[in-house]
Amino acid sequence: MNTAELEAVTAAEVIDARGAACPGPLLEAKKGMGKIAIGDVVELWSSDPATKSDVGAWAGKVGHEVLGTLEDDGYERVFIRRGK
């Protein structure tokens, strides 16, 4: 998705994991997935630079889809669609 498409996404769950070190943001994303329906989106806020690659690897293994990432003021917003 491009930036405009990501900015238009309404997340079912927003998880603020800013300030948490690896693997904290990934663990928070896993917990958040259990709270939403299949097809819904989790928006994960993280200041840990490893989050994007960690979440991408995890999502690919378990059947979720990383829609993309937006840079914000000192952190990244990662959008993940629940696949199963």
PDB file of N, CA and C in Angstrom:
ATOM      1  N   MET A   1       0.843  -1.187   0.000  1.00  0.00           N
ATOM      2  CA  MET A   1       0.000   0.000   0.000  1.00  0.00           C
ATOM      3  C   MET A   1       0.883   1.244   0.000  1.00  0.00           C
ATOM      4  N   ASN A   2       0.380   2.292  -0.629  1.00  0.00           N
ATOM      5  CA  ASN A   2       1.135   3.542  -0.606  1.00  0.00           C
ATOM      6  C   ASN A   2       0.781   4.333   0.652  1.00  0.00           C
ATOM      7  N   THR A   3       1.455   5.457   0.840  1.00  0.00           N
ATOM      8  CA  THR A   3       1.279   6.255   2.053  1.00  0.00           C
ATOM      9  C   THR A   3      -0.166   6.706   2.234  1.00  0.00           C
ATOM     10  N   ALA A   4      -0.789   7.205   1.181  1.00  0.00           N
ATOM     11  CA  ALA A   4      -2.172   7.691   1.289  1.00  0.00           C
ATOM     12  C   ALA A   4      -3.122   6.560   1.664  1.00  0.00           C
ATOM     13  N   GLU A   5      -2.920   5.380   1.088  1.00  0.00           N
ATOM     14  CA  GLU A   5      -3.768   4.228   1.410  1.00  0.00           C
ATOM     15  C   GLU A   5      -3.590   3.813   2.871  1.00  0.00           C
ATOM     16  N   LEU A   6      -2.342   3.794   3.347  1.00  0.00           N
ATOM     17  CA  LEU A   6      -2.094   3.427   4.749  1.00  0.00           C
ATOM     18  C   LEU A   6      -2.717   4.440   5.702  1.00  0.00           C
ATOM     19  N   GLU A   7      -2.610   5.722   5.364  1.00  0.00           N
ATOM     20  CA  GLU A   7      -3.171   6.753   6.234  1.00  0.00           C
ATOM     21  C   GLU A   7      -4.689   6.655   6.314  1.00  0.00           C
ATOM     22  N   ALA A   8      -5.309   6.042   5.295  1.00  0.00           N
ATOM     23  CA  ALA A   8      -6.767   5.899   5.276  1.00  0.00           C
ATOM     24  C   ALA A   8      -7.249   4.640   6.004  1.00  0.00           C
ATOM     25  N   VAL A   9      -6.323   3.754   6.383  1.00  0.00           N
ATOM     26  CA  VAL A   9      -6.695   2.512   7.063  1.00  0.00           C
ATOM     27  C   VAL A   9      -7.186   2.822   8.476  1.00  0.00           C
ATOM     28  N   THR A  10      -8.314   2.224   8.833  1.00  0.00           N
ATOM     29  CA  THR A  10      -8.826   2.331  10.200  1.00  0.00           C
ATOM     30  C   THR A  10      -8.503   1.020  10.914  1.00  0.00           C
ATOM     31  N   ALA A  11      -7.625   1.104  11.900  1.00  0.00           N
ATOM     32  CA  ALA A  11      -7.209  -0.085  12.632  1.00  0.00           C
ATOM     33  C   ALA A  11      -8.256  -0.465  13.676  1.00  0.00           C
ATOM     34  N   ALA A  12      -8.477  -1.764  13.815  1.00  0.00           N
ATOM     35  CA  ALA A  12      -9.380  -2.269  14.849  1.00  0.00           C
ATOM     36  C   ALA A  12      -8.722  -2.181  16.221  1.00  0.00           C
ATOM     37  N   GLU A  13      -7.395  -2.200  16.223  1.00  0.00           N
ATOM     38  CA  GLU A  13      -6.621  -2.174  17.474  1.00  0.00           C
ATOM     39  C   GLU A  13      -5.346  -1.376  17.220  1.00  0.00           C
ATOM     40  N   VAL A  14      -5.062  -0.385  18.070  1.00  0.00           N
ATOM     41  CA  VAL A  14      -3.816   0.372  18.002  1.00  0.00           C
ATOM     42  C   VAL A  14      -3.000  -0.004  19.226  1.00  0.00           C
ATOM     43  N   ILE A  15      -1.761  -0.432  18.979  1.00  0.00           N
ATOM     44  CA  ILE A  15      -0.888  -0.876  20.062  1.00  0.00           C
ATOM     45  C   ILE A  15       0.293   0.075  20.148  1.00  0.00           C
ATOM     46  N   ASP A  16       0.461   0.718  21.272  1.00  0.00           N
ATOM     47  CA  ASP A  16       1.558   1.653  21.486  1.00  0.00           C
ATOM     48  C   ASP A  16       2.684   0.929  22.210  1.00  0.00           C
ATOM     49  N   ALA A  17       3.688   0.485  21.442  1.00  0.00           N
ATOM     50  CA  ALA A  17       4.843  -0.212  22.022  1.00  0.00           C
ATOM     51  C   ALA A  17       6.096   0.656  21.925  1.00  0.00           C
ATOM     52  N   ARG A  18       5.910   1.970  21.807  1.00  0.00           N
ATOM     53  CA  ARG A  18       7.060   2.875  21.747  1.00  0.00           C
ATOM     54  C   ARG A  18       7.841   2.767  23.051  1.00  0.00           C
ATOM     55  N   GLY A  19       9.149   2.718  22.927  1.00  0.00           N
ATOM     56  CA  GLY A  19      10.013   2.619  24.101  1.00  0.00           C
ATOM     57  C   GLY A  19      10.331   1.194  24.507  1.00  0.00           C
ATOM     58  N   ALA A  20       9.591   0.229  23.986  1.00  0.00           N
ATOM     59  CA  ALA A  20       9.858  -1.183  24.297  1.00  0.00           C
ATOM     60  C   ALA A  20      10.930  -1.713  23.357  1.00  0.00           C
ATOM     61  N   ALA A  21      11.841  -2.494  23.914  1.00  0.00           N
ATOM     62  CA  ALA A  21      12.907  -3.097  23.106  1.00  0.00           C
ATOM     63  C   ALA A  21      12.470  -4.472  22.631  1.00  0.00           C
ATOM     64  N   CYS A  22      13.136  -4.948  21.604  1.00  0.00           N
ATOM     65  CA  CYS A  22      12.882  -6.275  21.050  1.00  0.00           C
ATOM     66  C   CYS A  22      12.986  -7.310  22.172  1.00  0.00           C
ATOM     67  N   PRO A  23      12.080  -8.238  22.291  1.00  0.00           N
ATOM     68  CA  PRO A  23      10.958  -8.575  21.419  1.00  0.00           C
ATOM     69  C   PRO A  23       9.628  -7.961  21.854  1.00  0.00           C
ATOM     70  N   GLY A  24       9.634  -6.941  22.703  1.00  0.00           N
ATOM     71  CA  GLY A  24       8.411  -6.363  23.241  1.00  0.00           C
ATOM     72  C   GLY A  24       7.358  -5.990  22.203  1.00  0.00           C
ATOM     73  N   PRO A  25       7.708  -5.193  21.180  1.00  0.00           N
ATOM     74  CA  PRO A  25       6.693  -4.820  20.197  1.00  0.00           C
ATOM     75  C   PRO A  25       6.080  -6.028  19.475  1.00  0.00           C
ATOM     76  N   LEU A  26       6.892  -7.019  19.165  1.00  0.00           N
ATOM     77  CA  LEU A  26       6.376  -8.215  18.500  1.00  0.00           C
ATOM     78  C   LEU A  26       5.403  -8.964  19.419  1.00  0.00           C
ATOM     79  N   LEU A  27       5.741  -9.097  20.676  1.00  0.00           N
ATOM     80  CA  LEU A  27       4.854  -9.773  21.627  1.00  0.00           C
ATOM     81  C   LEU A  27       3.535  -9.021  21.775  1.00  0.00           C
ATOM     82  N   GLU A  28       3.600  -7.693  21.784  1.00  0.00           N
ATOM     83  CA  GLU A  28       2.380  -6.888  21.872  1.00  0.00           C
ATOM     84  C   GLU A  28       1.522  -7.073  20.621  1.00  0.00           C
ATOM     85  N   ALA A  29       2.160  -7.170  19.449  1.00  0.00           N
ATOM     86  CA  ALA A  29       1.418  -7.399  18.203  1.00  0.00           C
ATOM     87  C   ALA A  29       0.710  -8.751  18.248  1.00  0.00           C
ATOM     88  N   LYS A  30       1.399  -9.768  18.750  1.00  0.00           N
ATOM     89  CA  LYS A  30       0.789 -11.099  18.862  1.00  0.00           C
ATOM     90  C   LYS A  30      -0.448 -11.047  19.751  1.00  0.00           C
ATOM     91  N   LYS A  31      -0.348 -10.363  20.889  1.00  0.00           N
ATOM     92  CA  LYS A  31      -1.492 -10.248  21.796  1.00  0.00           C
ATOM     93  C   LYS A  31      -2.637  -9.490  21.126  1.00  0.00           C
ATOM     94  N   GLY A  32      -2.295  -8.440  20.399  1.00  0.00           N
ATOM     95  CA  GLY A  32      -3.311  -7.634  19.730  1.00  0.00           C
ATOM     96  C   GLY A  32      -4.075  -8.405  18.674  1.00  0.00           C
ATOM     97  N   MET A  33      -3.412  -9.314  17.996  1.00  0.00           N
ATOM     98  CA  MET A  33      -4.078 -10.117  16.968  1.00  0.00           C
ATOM     99  C   MET A  33      -5.195 -10.972  17.557  1.00  0.00           C
ATOM    100  N   GLY A  34      -5.028 -11.386  18.788  1.00  0.00           N
ATOM    101  CA  GLY A  34      -6.052 -12.201  19.433  1.00  0.00           C
ATOM    102  C   GLY A  34      -7.311 -11.424  19.784  1.00  0.00           C
ATOM    103  N   LYS A  35      -7.257 -10.101  19.704  1.00  0.00           N
ATOM    104  CA  LYS A  35      -8.392  -9.259  20.077  1.00  0.00           C
ATOM    105  C   LYS A  35      -9.231  -8.830  18.880  1.00  0.00           C
ATOM    106  N   ILE A  36      -8.767  -9.116  17.664  1.00  0.00           N
ATOM    107  CA  ILE A  36      -9.466  -8.613  16.480  1.00  0.00           C
ATOM    108  C   ILE A  36      -9.964  -9.756  15.602  1.00  0.00           C
ATOM    109  N   ALA A  37     -10.865  -9.425  14.707  1.00  0.00           N
ATOM    110  CA  ALA A  37     -11.433 -10.424  13.795  1.00  0.00           C
ATOM    111  C   ALA A  37     -10.522 -10.635  12.589  1.00  0.00           C
ATOM    112  N   ILE A  38     -10.657 -11.785  11.948  1.00  0.00           N
ATOM    113  CA  ILE A  38      -9.922 -12.073  10.717  1.00  0.00           C
ATOM    114  C   ILE A  38     -10.276 -11.001   9.693  1.00  0.00           C
ATOM    115  N   GLY A  39      -9.260 -10.459   9.049  1.00  0.00           N
ATOM    116  CA  GLY A  39      -9.446  -9.403   8.055  1.00  0.00           C
ATOM    117  C   GLY A  39      -9.280  -8.007   8.608  1.00  0.00           C
ATOM    118  N   ASP A  40      -9.344  -7.860   9.947  1.00  0.00           N
ATOM    119  CA  ASP A  40      -9.143  -6.554  10.572  1.00  0.00           C
ATOM    120  C   ASP A  40      -7.659  -6.235  10.663  1.00  0.00           C
ATOM    121  N   VAL A  41      -7.357  -4.994  11.030  1.00  0.00           N
ATOM    122  CA  VAL A  41      -5.974  -4.501  11.029  1.00  0.00           C
ATOM    123  C   VAL A  41      -5.560  -4.057  12.423  1.00  0.00           C
ATOM    124  N   VAL A  42      -4.324  -4.410  12.778  1.00  0.00           N
ATOM    125  CA  VAL A  42      -3.655  -3.896  13.974  1.00  0.00           C
ATOM    126  C   VAL A  42      -2.655  -2.848  13.508  1.00  0.00           C
ATOM    127  N   GLU A  43      -2.626  -1.719  14.201  1.00  0.00           N
ATOM    128  CA  GLU A  43      -1.619  -0.687  13.950  1.00  0.00           C
ATOM    129  C   GLU A  43      -0.668  -0.701  15.143  1.00  0.00           C
ATOM    130  N   LEU A  44       0.574  -1.047  14.890  1.00  0.00           N
ATOM    131  CA  LEU A  44       1.597  -1.167  15.937  1.00  0.00           C
ATOM    132  C   LEU A  44       2.537   0.027  15.876  1.00  0.00           C
ATOM    133  N   TRP A  45       2.636   0.756  16.979  1.00  0.00           N
ATOM    134  CA  TRP A  45       3.566   1.882  17.060  1.00  0.00           C
ATOM    135  C   TRP A  45       4.818   1.388  17.771  1.00  0.00           C
ATOM    136  N   SER A  46       5.981   1.584  17.135  1.00  0.00           N
ATOM    137  CA  SER A  46       7.220   1.109  17.736  1.00  0.00           C
ATOM    138  C   SER A  46       8.390   2.025  17.397  1.00  0.00           C
ATOM    139  N   SER A  47       9.245   2.233  18.389  1.00  0.00           N
ATOM    140  CA  SER A  47      10.467   3.004  18.180  1.00  0.00           C
ATOM    141  C   SER A  47      11.686   2.084  18.040  1.00  0.00           C
ATOM    142  N   ASP A  48      11.475   0.776  18.104  1.00  0.00           N
ATOM    143  CA  ASP A  48      12.557  -0.209  17.958  1.00  0.00           C
ATOM    144  C   ASP A  48      12.789  -0.467  16.464  1.00  0.00           C
ATOM    145  N   PRO A  49      13.996  -0.181  15.954  1.00  0.00           N
ATOM    146  CA  PRO A  49      14.243  -0.349  14.520  1.00  0.00           C
ATOM    147  C   PRO A  49      14.109  -1.785  14.018  1.00  0.00           C
ATOM    148  N   ALA A  50      14.179  -2.772  14.891  1.00  0.00           N
ATOM    149  CA  ALA A  50      14.072  -4.174  14.472  1.00  0.00           C
ATOM    150  C   ALA A  50      12.623  -4.617  14.284  1.00  0.00           C
ATOM    151  N   THR A  51      11.681  -3.812  14.723  1.00  0.00           N
ATOM    152  CA  THR A  51      10.270  -4.218  14.693  1.00  0.00           C
ATOM    153  C   THR A  51       9.798  -4.558  13.290  1.00  0.00           C
ATOM    154  N   LYS A  52      10.120  -3.713  12.318  1.00  0.00           N
ATOM    155  CA  LYS A  52       9.623  -3.927  10.958  1.00  0.00           C
ATOM    156  C   LYS A  52      10.035  -5.293  10.425  1.00  0.00           C
ATOM    157  N   SER A  53      11.292  -5.668  10.584  1.00  0.00           N
ATOM    158  CA  SER A  53      11.751  -6.970  10.083  1.00  0.00           C
ATOM    159  C   SER A  53      11.221  -8.119  10.941  1.00  0.00           C
ATOM    160  N   ASP A  54      11.167  -7.926  12.261  1.00  0.00           N
ATOM    161  CA  ASP A  54      10.644  -8.970  13.154  1.00  0.00           C
ATOM    162  C   ASP A  54       9.179  -9.269  12.849  1.00  0.00           C
ATOM    163  N   VAL A  55       8.373  -8.220  12.716  1.00  0.00           N
ATOM    164  CA  VAL A  55       6.950  -8.395  12.448  1.00  0.00           C
ATOM    165  C   VAL A  55       6.742  -9.000  11.069  1.00  0.00           C
ATOM    166  N   GLY A  56       7.538  -8.573  10.099  1.00  0.00           N
ATOM    167  CA  GLY A  56       7.425  -9.132   8.752  1.00  0.00           C
ATOM    168  C   GLY A  56       7.700 -10.623   8.718  1.00  0.00           C
ATOM    169  N   ALA A  57       8.735 -11.046   9.410  1.00  0.00           N
ATOM    170  CA  ALA A  57       9.076 -12.475   9.455  1.00  0.00           C
ATOM    171  C   ALA A  57       7.987 -13.269  10.167  1.00  0.00           C
ATOM    172  N   TRP A  58       7.520 -12.765  11.298  1.00  0.00           N
ATOM    173  CA  TRP A  58       6.469 -13.447  12.061  1.00  0.00           C
ATOM    174  C   TRP A  58       5.175 -13.531  11.264  1.00  0.00           C
ATOM    175  N   ALA A  59       4.763 -12.416  10.666  1.00  0.00           N
ATOM    176  CA  ALA A  59       3.495 -12.387   9.922  1.00  0.00           C
ATOM    177  C   ALA A  59       3.514 -13.396   8.775  1.00  0.00           C
ATOM    178  N   GLY A  60       4.637 -13.490   8.074  1.00  0.00           N
ATOM    179  CA  GLY A  60       4.750 -14.440   6.976  1.00  0.00           C
ATOM    180  C   GLY A  60       4.626 -15.882   7.431  1.00  0.00           C
ATOM    181  N   LYS A  61       5.123 -16.174   8.620  1.00  0.00           N
ATOM    182  CA  LYS A  61       5.071 -17.542   9.142  1.00  0.00           C
ATOM    183  C   LYS A  61       3.670 -17.949   9.581  1.00  0.00           C
ATOM    184  N   VAL A  62       2.918 -16.999  10.121  1.00  0.00           N
ATOM    185  CA  VAL A  62       1.623 -17.353  10.716  1.00  0.00           C
ATOM    186  C   VAL A  62       0.421 -16.982   9.859  1.00  0.00           C
ATOM    187  N   GLY A  63       0.642 -16.374   8.707  1.00  0.00           N
ATOM    188  CA  GLY A  63      -0.459 -16.106   7.787  1.00  0.00           C
ATOM    189  C   GLY A  63      -1.091 -14.729   7.863  1.00  0.00           C
ATOM    190  N   HIS A  64      -0.427 -13.768   8.505  1.00  0.00           N
ATOM    191  CA  HIS A  64      -0.906 -12.389   8.529  1.00  0.00           C
ATOM    192  C   HIS A  64      -0.215 -11.618   7.402  1.00  0.00           C
ATOM    193  N   GLU A  65      -0.684 -10.411   7.125  1.00  0.00           N
ATOM    194  CA  GLU A  65      -0.124  -9.600   6.046  1.00  0.00           C
ATOM    195  C   GLU A  65       0.302  -8.239   6.577  1.00  0.00           C
ATOM    196  N   VAL A  66       1.571  -7.893   6.379  1.00  0.00           N
ATOM    197  CA  VAL A  66       2.031  -6.554   6.716  1.00  0.00           C
ATOM    198  C   VAL A  66       1.661  -5.656   5.541  1.00  0.00           C
ATOM    199  N   LEU A  67       0.776  -4.696   5.796  1.00  0.00           N
ATOM    200  CA  LEU A  67       0.297  -3.809   4.737  1.00  0.00           C
ATOM    201  C   LEU A  67       1.309  -2.732   4.405  1.00  0.00           C
ATOM    202  N   GLY A  68       2.113  -2.350   5.393  1.00  0.00           N
ATOM    203  CA  GLY A  68       3.131  -1.326   5.176  1.00  0.00           C
ATOM    204  C   GLY A  68       3.451  -0.609   6.468  1.00  0.00           C
ATOM    205  N   THR A  69       4.332   0.372   6.334  1.00  0.00           N
ATOM    206  CA  THR A  69       4.818   1.113   7.489  1.00  0.00           C
ATOM    207  C   THR A  69       4.829   2.603   7.169  1.00  0.00           C
ATOM    208  N   LEU A  70       4.420   3.400   8.135  1.00  0.00           N
ATOM    209  CA  LEU A  70       4.509   4.850   8.023  1.00  0.00           C
ATOM    210  C   LEU A  70       5.500   5.358   9.067  1.00  0.00           C
ATOM    211  N   GLU A  71       6.349   6.289   8.662  1.00  0.00           N
ATOM    212  CA  GLU A  71       7.271   6.924   9.592  1.00  0.00           C
ATOM    213  C   GLU A  71       6.522   8.056  10.299  1.00  0.00           C
ATOM    214  N   ASP A  72       6.674   8.132  11.604  1.00  0.00           N
ATOM    215  CA  ASP A  72       6.078   9.229  12.352  1.00  0.00           C
ATOM    216  C   ASP A  72       7.196   9.924  13.122  1.00  0.00           C
ATOM    217  N   ASP A  73       6.867  10.707  14.107  1.00  0.00           N
ATOM    218  CA  ASP A  73       7.854  11.493  14.840  1.00  0.00           C
ATOM    219  C   ASP A  73       8.642  10.622  15.819  1.00  0.00           C
ATOM    220  N   GLY A  74       9.701   9.971  15.327  1.00  0.00           N
ATOM    221  CA  GLY A  74      10.553   9.151  16.181  1.00  0.00           C
ATOM    222  C   GLY A  74      10.118   7.706  16.339  1.00  0.00           C
ATOM    223  N   TYR A  75       9.095   7.301  15.586  1.00  0.00           N
ATOM    224  CA  TYR A  75       8.650   5.913  15.650  1.00  0.00           C
ATOM    225  C   TYR A  75       8.016   5.512  14.324  1.00  0.00           C
ATOM    226  N   GLU A  76       7.756   4.212  14.186  1.00  0.00           N
ATOM    227  CA  GLU A  76       7.118   3.689  12.992  1.00  0.00           C
ATOM    228  C   GLU A  76       5.733   3.161  13.334  1.00  0.00           C
ATOM    229  N   ARG A  77       4.825   3.297  12.384  1.00  0.00           N
ATOM    230  CA  ARG A  77       3.472   2.745  12.512  1.00  0.00           C
ATOM    231  C   ARG A  77       3.392   1.585  11.528  1.00  0.00           C
ATOM    232  N   VAL A  78       3.306   0.366  12.050  1.00  0.00           N
ATOM    233  CA  VAL A  78       3.266  -0.842  11.218  1.00  0.00           C
ATOM    234  C   VAL A  78       1.825  -1.350  11.182  1.00  0.00           C
ATOM    235  N   PHE A  79       1.319  -1.577   9.970  1.00  0.00           N
ATOM    236  CA  PHE A  79      -0.056  -2.015   9.785  1.00  0.00           C
ATOM    237  C   PHE A  79      -0.066  -3.501   9.398  1.00  0.00           C
ATOM    238  N   ILE A  80      -0.790  -4.302  10.175  1.00  0.00           N
ATOM    239  CA  ILE A  80      -0.805  -5.755   9.984  1.00  0.00           C
ATOM    240  C   ILE A  80      -2.253  -6.232   9.889  1.00  0.00           C
ATOM    241  N   ARG A  81      -2.587  -6.913   8.794  1.00  0.00           N
ATOM    242  CA  ARG A  81      -3.935  -7.468   8.631  1.00  0.00           C
ATOM    243  C   ARG A  81      -3.948  -8.906   9.121  1.00  0.00           C
ATOM    244  N   ARG A  82      -4.913  -9.229   9.977  1.00  0.00           N
ATOM    245  CA  ARG A  82      -5.027 -10.594  10.507  1.00  0.00           C
ATOM    246  C   ARG A  82      -5.505 -11.537   9.401  1.00  0.00           C
ATOM    247  N   GLY A  83      -4.747 -12.606   9.206  1.00  0.00           N
ATOM    248  CA  GLY A  83      -5.061 -13.539   8.144  1.00  0.00           C
ATOM    249  C   GLY A  83      -5.799 -14.776   8.610  1.00  0.00           C
ATOM    250  N   LYS A  84      -5.622 -15.152   9.865  1.00  0.00           N
ATOM    251  CA  LYS A  84      -6.311 -16.363  10.354  1.00  0.00           C
ATOM    252  C   LYS A  84      -6.483 -16.298  11.854  1.00  0.00           C
TER     253      LYS A  84
END
